[in-house]
C-alpha atoms as a PDB file:
ATOM      1  CA  UNK A   1     -23.752 -45.524  -1.249  1.00  0.00           C
ATOM      2  CA  UNK A   2     -26.111 -43.117   0.305  1.00  0.00           C
ATOM      3  CA  UNK A   3     -26.780 -39.713  -1.218  1.00  0.00           C
ATOM      4  CA  UNK A   4     -25.151 -38.003   1.765  1.00  0.00           C
ATOM      5  CA  UNK A   5     -21.776 -39.638   1.132  1.00  0.00           C
ATOM      6  CA  UNK A   6     -21.972 -38.881  -2.581  1.00  0.00           C
ATOM      7  CA  UNK A   7     -22.715 -35.212  -1.866  1.00  0.00           C
ATOM      8  CA  UNK A   8     -19.858 -35.029   0.668  1.00  0.00           C
ATOM      9  CA  UNK A   9     -17.418 -36.632  -1.805  1.00  0.00           C
ATOM     10  CA  UNK A  10     -18.413 -34.196  -4.538  1.00  0.00           C
ATOM     11  CA  UNK A  11     -17.955 -31.253  -2.161  1.00  0.00           C
ATOM     12  CA  UNK A  12     -14.559 -32.630  -1.088  1.00  0.00           C
ATOM     13  CA  UNK A  13     -13.412 -32.989  -4.717  1.00  0.00           C
ATOM     14  CA  UNK A  14     -14.561 -29.439  -5.532  1.00  0.00           C
ATOM     15  CA  UNK A  15     -12.709 -28.062  -2.496  1.00  0.00           C
ATOM     16  CA  UNK A  16      -9.514 -29.900  -3.431  1.00  0.00           C
ATOM     17  CA  UNK A  17      -9.704 -28.566  -7.002  1.00  0.00           C
ATOM     18  CA  UNK A  18     -10.341 -25.033  -5.703  1.00  0.00           C
ATOM     19  CA  UNK A  19      -7.303 -25.271  -3.397  1.00  0.00           C
ATOM     20  CA  UNK A  20      -5.082 -26.426  -6.265  1.00  0.00           C
ATOM     21  CA  UNK A  21      -6.291 -23.597  -8.517  1.00  0.00           C
ATOM     22  CA  UNK A  22      -5.731 -21.008  -5.767  1.00  0.00           C
ATOM     23  CA  UNK A  23      -2.232 -22.359  -5.149  1.00  0.00           C
ATOM     24  CA  UNK A  24      -1.193 -21.880  -8.778  1.00  0.00           C
ATOM     25  CA  UNK A  25      -2.854 -18.456  -9.030  1.00  0.00           C
ATOM     26  CA  UNK A  26      -1.017 -17.382  -5.879  1.00  0.00           C
ATOM     27  CA  UNK A  27       2.314 -18.514  -7.327  1.00  0.00           C
ATOM     28  CA  UNK A  28       1.655 -16.541 -10.516  1.00  0.00           C
ATOM     29  CA  UNK A  29       0.676 -13.421  -8.569  1.00  0.00           C
ATOM     30  CA  UNK A  30       3.813 -13.753  -6.440  1.00  0.00           C
ATOM     31  CA  UNK A  31       5.998 -13.849  -9.569  1.00  0.00           C
ATOM     32  CA  UNK A  32       4.266 -10.762 -10.995  1.00  0.00           C
ATOM     33  CA  UNK A  33       4.736  -8.894  -7.726  1.00  0.00           C
ATOM     34  CA  UNK A  34       8.457  -9.768  -7.675  1.00  0.00           C
ATOM     35  CA  UNK A  35       8.853  -8.485 -11.246  1.00  0.00           C
ATOM     36  CA  UNK A  36       7.055  -5.238 -10.421  1.00  0.00           C
ATOM     37  CA  UNK A  37       9.191  -4.761  -7.306  1.00  0.00           C
ATOM     38  CA  UNK A  38      12.349  -5.175  -9.418  1.00  0.00           C
ATOM     39  CA  UNK A  39      11.071  -2.517 -11.838  1.00  0.00           C
ATOM     40  CA  UNK A  40      10.306  -0.138  -8.965  1.00  0.00           C
ATOM     41  CA  UNK A  41      13.771  -0.665  -7.499  1.00  0.00           C
ATOM     42  CA  UNK A  42      15.420  -0.087 -10.882  1.00  0.00           C
ATOM     43  CA  UNK A  43      13.659   3.267 -11.380  1.00  0.00           C
ATOM     44  CA  UNK A  44      14.107   4.457  -7.771  1.00  0.00           C
ATOM     45  CA  UNK A  45      15.667   7.842  -7.025  1.00  0.00           C
ATOM     46  CA  UNK A  46      16.480   9.453  -3.702  1.00  0.00           C
ATOM     47  CA  UNK A  47      14.928  12.906  -3.449  1.00  0.00           C
ATOM     48  CA  UNK A  48      14.775  15.547  -0.749  1.00  0.00           C
ATOM     49  CA  UNK A  49      11.229  16.851  -0.294  1.00  0.00           C
ATOM     50  CA  UNK A  50       9.076  18.923   2.030  1.00  0.00           C
ATOM     51  CA  UNK A  51       5.857  17.114   2.907  1.00  0.00           C
ATOM     52  CA  UNK A  52       2.943  19.546   2.717  1.00  0.00           C
ATOM     53  CA  UNK A  53      -0.035  17.270   3.297  1.00  0.00           C
ATOM     54  CA  UNK A  54      -1.013  13.622   3.368  1.00  0.00           C
ATOM     55  CA  UNK A  55      -4.470  12.062   3.050  1.00  0.00           C
ATOM     56  CA  UNK A  56      -6.185   8.852   2.088  1.00  0.00           C
ATOM     57  CA  UNK A  57      -8.322   9.789  -0.896  1.00  0.00           C
ATOM     58  CA  UNK A  58     -10.183   8.148  -3.737  1.00  0.00           C
ATOM     59  CA  UNK A  59      -8.065   7.930  -6.856  1.00  0.00           C
ATOM     60  CA  UNK A  60     -10.429  10.140  -8.876  1.00  0.00           C
ATOM     61  CA  UNK A  61     -10.307  12.940  -6.279  1.00  0.00           C
ATOM     62  CA  UNK A  62      -6.562  12.736  -5.659  1.00  0.00           C
ATOM     63  CA  UNK A  63      -5.374  15.163  -8.320  1.00  0.00           C
ATOM     64  CA  UNK A  64      -3.056  12.653  -9.971  1.00  0.00           C
ATOM     65  CA  UNK A  65      -2.495  12.946 -13.730  1.00  0.00           C
ATOM     66  CA  UNK A  66      -5.314  11.608 -15.895  1.00  0.00           C
ATOM     67  CA  UNK A  67      -2.983   9.032 -17.483  1.00  0.00           C
ATOM     68  CA  UNK A  68      -2.502   7.384 -14.089  1.00  0.00           C
ATOM     69  CA  UNK A  69      -6.235   7.256 -13.424  1.00  0.00           C
ATOM     70  CA  UNK A  70      -6.965   5.849 -16.898  1.00  0.00           C
ATOM     71  CA  UNK A  71      -4.356   3.095 -16.515  1.00  0.00           C
ATOM     72  CA  UNK A  72      -5.680   1.832 -13.187  1.00  0.00           C
ATOM     73  CA  UNK A  73      -8.270  -0.947 -13.292  1.00  0.00           C
ATOM     74  CA  UNK A  74     -11.874   0.209 -12.928  1.00  0.00           C
ATOM     75  CA  UNK A  75     -12.448  -1.745  -9.730  1.00  0.00           C
ATOM     76  CA  UNK A  76      -9.573   0.121  -8.030  1.00  0.00           C
ATOM     77  CA  UNK A  77     -10.590   3.656  -9.038  1.00  0.00           C
ATOM     78  CA  UNK A  78     -13.054   4.008  -6.172  1.00  0.00           C
ATOM     79  CA  UNK A  79     -10.705   2.626  -3.517  1.00  0.00           C
ATOM     80  CA  UNK A  80      -8.881   4.989  -1.189  1.00  0.00           C
ATOM     81  CA  UNK A  81      -5.134   5.290  -1.620  1.00  0.00           C
ATOM     82  CA  UNK A  82      -2.507   7.155   0.455  1.00  0.00           C
ATOM     83  CA  UNK A  83      -1.748  10.457  -1.295  1.00  0.00           C
ATOM     84  CA  UNK A  84       1.082  12.825  -0.327  1.00  0.00           C
ATOM     85  CA  UNK A  85       1.474  16.420  -1.510  1.00  0.00           C
ATOM     86  CA  UNK A  86       5.129  17.392  -1.424  1.00  0.00           C
ATOM     87  CA  UNK A  87       7.364  20.203  -2.590  1.00  0.00           C
ATOM     88  CA  UNK A  88      10.259  18.792  -4.564  1.00  0.00           C
ATOM     89  CA  UNK A  89      12.556  21.637  -5.510  1.00  0.00           C
ATOM     90  CA  UNK A  90      10.358  24.448  -6.860  1.00  0.00           C
ATOM     91  CA  UNK A  91       7.488  22.105  -7.836  1.00  0.00           C
ATOM     92  CA  UNK A  92       4.553  20.964  -5.735  1.00  0.00           C
ATOM     93  CA  UNK A  93       3.714  17.398  -6.711  1.00  0.00           C
ATOM     94  CA  UNK A  94       1.019  14.903  -5.808  1.00  0.00           C
ATOM     95  CA  UNK A  95       2.496  11.480  -5.116  1.00  0.00           C
ATOM     96  CA  UNK A  96       1.200   8.091  -4.037  1.00  0.00           C
ATOM     97  CA  UNK A  97       2.934   6.295  -1.218  1.00  0.00           C
ATOM     98  CA  UNK A  98       3.268   2.779   0.066  1.00  0.00           C
ATOM     99  CA  UNK A  99       0.643   2.002   2.686  1.00  0.00           C
ATOM    100  CA  UNK A 100       3.344   0.569   4.972  1.00  0.00           C
ATOM    101  CA  UNK A 101       5.161   3.895   5.285  1.00  0.00           C
ATOM    102  CA  UNK A 102       2.131   6.204   5.182  1.00  0.00           C
ATOM    103  CA  UNK A 103       1.980   6.505   8.998  1.00  0.00           C
ATOM    104  CA  UNK A 104       5.715   7.219   9.245  1.00  0.00           C
ATOM    105  CA  UNK A 105       5.673  10.210   6.884  1.00  0.00           C
ATOM    106  CA  UNK A 106       5.717  13.456   8.913  1.00  0.00           C
ATOM    107  CA  UNK A 107       3.659  16.452   7.803  1.00  0.00           C
ATOM    108  CA  UNK A 108       5.302  19.881   7.419  1.00  0.00           C
ATOM    109  CA  UNK A 109       8.816  18.408   7.645  1.00  0.00           C
ATOM    110  CA  UNK A 110      11.619  17.806   5.208  1.00  0.00           C
ATOM    111  CA  UNK A 111      12.499  14.186   4.449  1.00  0.00           C
ATOM    112  CA  UNK A 112      14.686  12.204   2.124  1.00  0.00           C
ATOM    113  CA  UNK A 113      12.463   9.802   0.191  1.00  0.00           C
ATOM    114  CA  UNK A 114      13.035   7.066  -2.339  1.00  0.00           C
ATOM    115  CA  UNK A 115      10.697   7.797  -5.243  1.00  0.00           C
ATOM    116  CA  UNK A 116       9.960   5.596  -8.236  1.00  0.00           C
ATOM    117  CA  UNK A 117       7.907   7.617 -10.710  1.00  0.00           C
ATOM    118  CA  UNK A 118       5.053   9.018  -8.613  1.00  0.00           C
ATOM    119  CA  UNK A 119       5.306   6.300  -5.957  1.00  0.00           C
ATOM    120  CA  UNK A 120       7.116   6.851  -2.646  1.00  0.00           C
ATOM    121  CA  UNK A 121       8.664   3.582  -1.468  1.00  0.00           C
ATOM    122  CA  UNK A 122      10.866   4.626   1.477  1.00  0.00           C
ATOM    123  CA  UNK A 123      11.312   7.629   3.758  1.00  0.00           C
ATOM    124  CA  UNK A 124      14.242   8.740   5.919  1.00  0.00           C
ATOM    125  CA  UNK A 125      14.540  11.777   8.143  1.00  0.00           C
ATOM    126  CA  UNK A 126      16.711  14.553   6.752  1.00  0.00           C
ATOM    127  CA  UNK A 127      17.754  15.784  10.186  1.00  0.00           C
ATOM    128  CA  UNK A 128      17.692  12.744  12.425  1.00  0.00           C
ATOM    129  CA  UNK A 129      15.408   9.724  12.628  1.00  0.00           C
ATOM    130  CA  UNK A 130      11.669   9.879  12.014  1.00  0.00           C
ATOM    131  CA  UNK A 131       9.232   9.421  14.849  1.00  0.00           C
ATOM    132  CA  UNK A 132       7.302   6.176  14.660  1.00  0.00           C
ATOM    133  CA  UNK A 133       3.659   6.689  15.586  1.00  0.00           C
ATOM    134  CA  UNK A 134       2.443   4.918  18.693  1.00  0.00           C
ATOM    135  CA  UNK A 135      -0.725   2.916  18.538  1.00  0.00           C
ATOM    136  CA  UNK A 136      -3.565   3.881  20.795  1.00  0.00           C
ATOM    137  CA  UNK A 137      -4.086   1.517  23.669  1.00  0.00           C
ATOM    138  CA  UNK A 138      -7.392  -0.226  23.893  1.00  0.00           C
ATOM    139  CA  UNK A 139      -9.854   0.252  26.721  1.00  0.00           C
ATOM    140  CA  UNK A 140      -8.933  -3.019  28.437  1.00  0.00           C
ATOM    141  CA  UNK A 141      -5.180  -2.298  28.233  1.00  0.00           C
ATOM    142  CA  UNK A 142      -5.678   1.074  29.919  1.00  0.00           C
ATOM    143  CA  UNK A 143      -7.718  -0.573  32.685  1.00  0.00           C
ATOM    144  CA  UNK A 144      -4.979  -3.152  33.277  1.00  0.00           C
ATOM    145  CA  UNK A 145      -2.351  -0.405  33.546  1.00  0.00           C
ATOM    146  CA  UNK A 146      -4.408   1.447  36.129  1.00  0.00           C
ATOM    147  CA  UNK A 147      -4.932  -1.697  38.227  1.00  0.00           C
END
């Protein structure tokens, strides 16, 4: 056998082993995510709130309680997360929200939200449906519409 075929076989074996390892790690992560989602659903409450402000901020600058910041992994502390300031009853609270619903949350409006701890998982309009934001059209799409 030539050295080229030996090198290619070794690379092929390493790639197959890497794929198998990634498959099992993905399965394990999927199970953990399902367990966490069940816990979030079990602790969920529906709350009426007035959204004051929403921003994507670093976790350290967000104003969340220090216990939350200490419990997050160090590699995630510098990442930007969607933060919502809302008035729930007489209190003004800083909450995190799901990145899927961040664009749907209206500012300066009252909504009915499903909250699990300090995490907003779902939002509904209190007085009618919420407006879904429209994506900006690209340059080429605008040119096609004109033509």
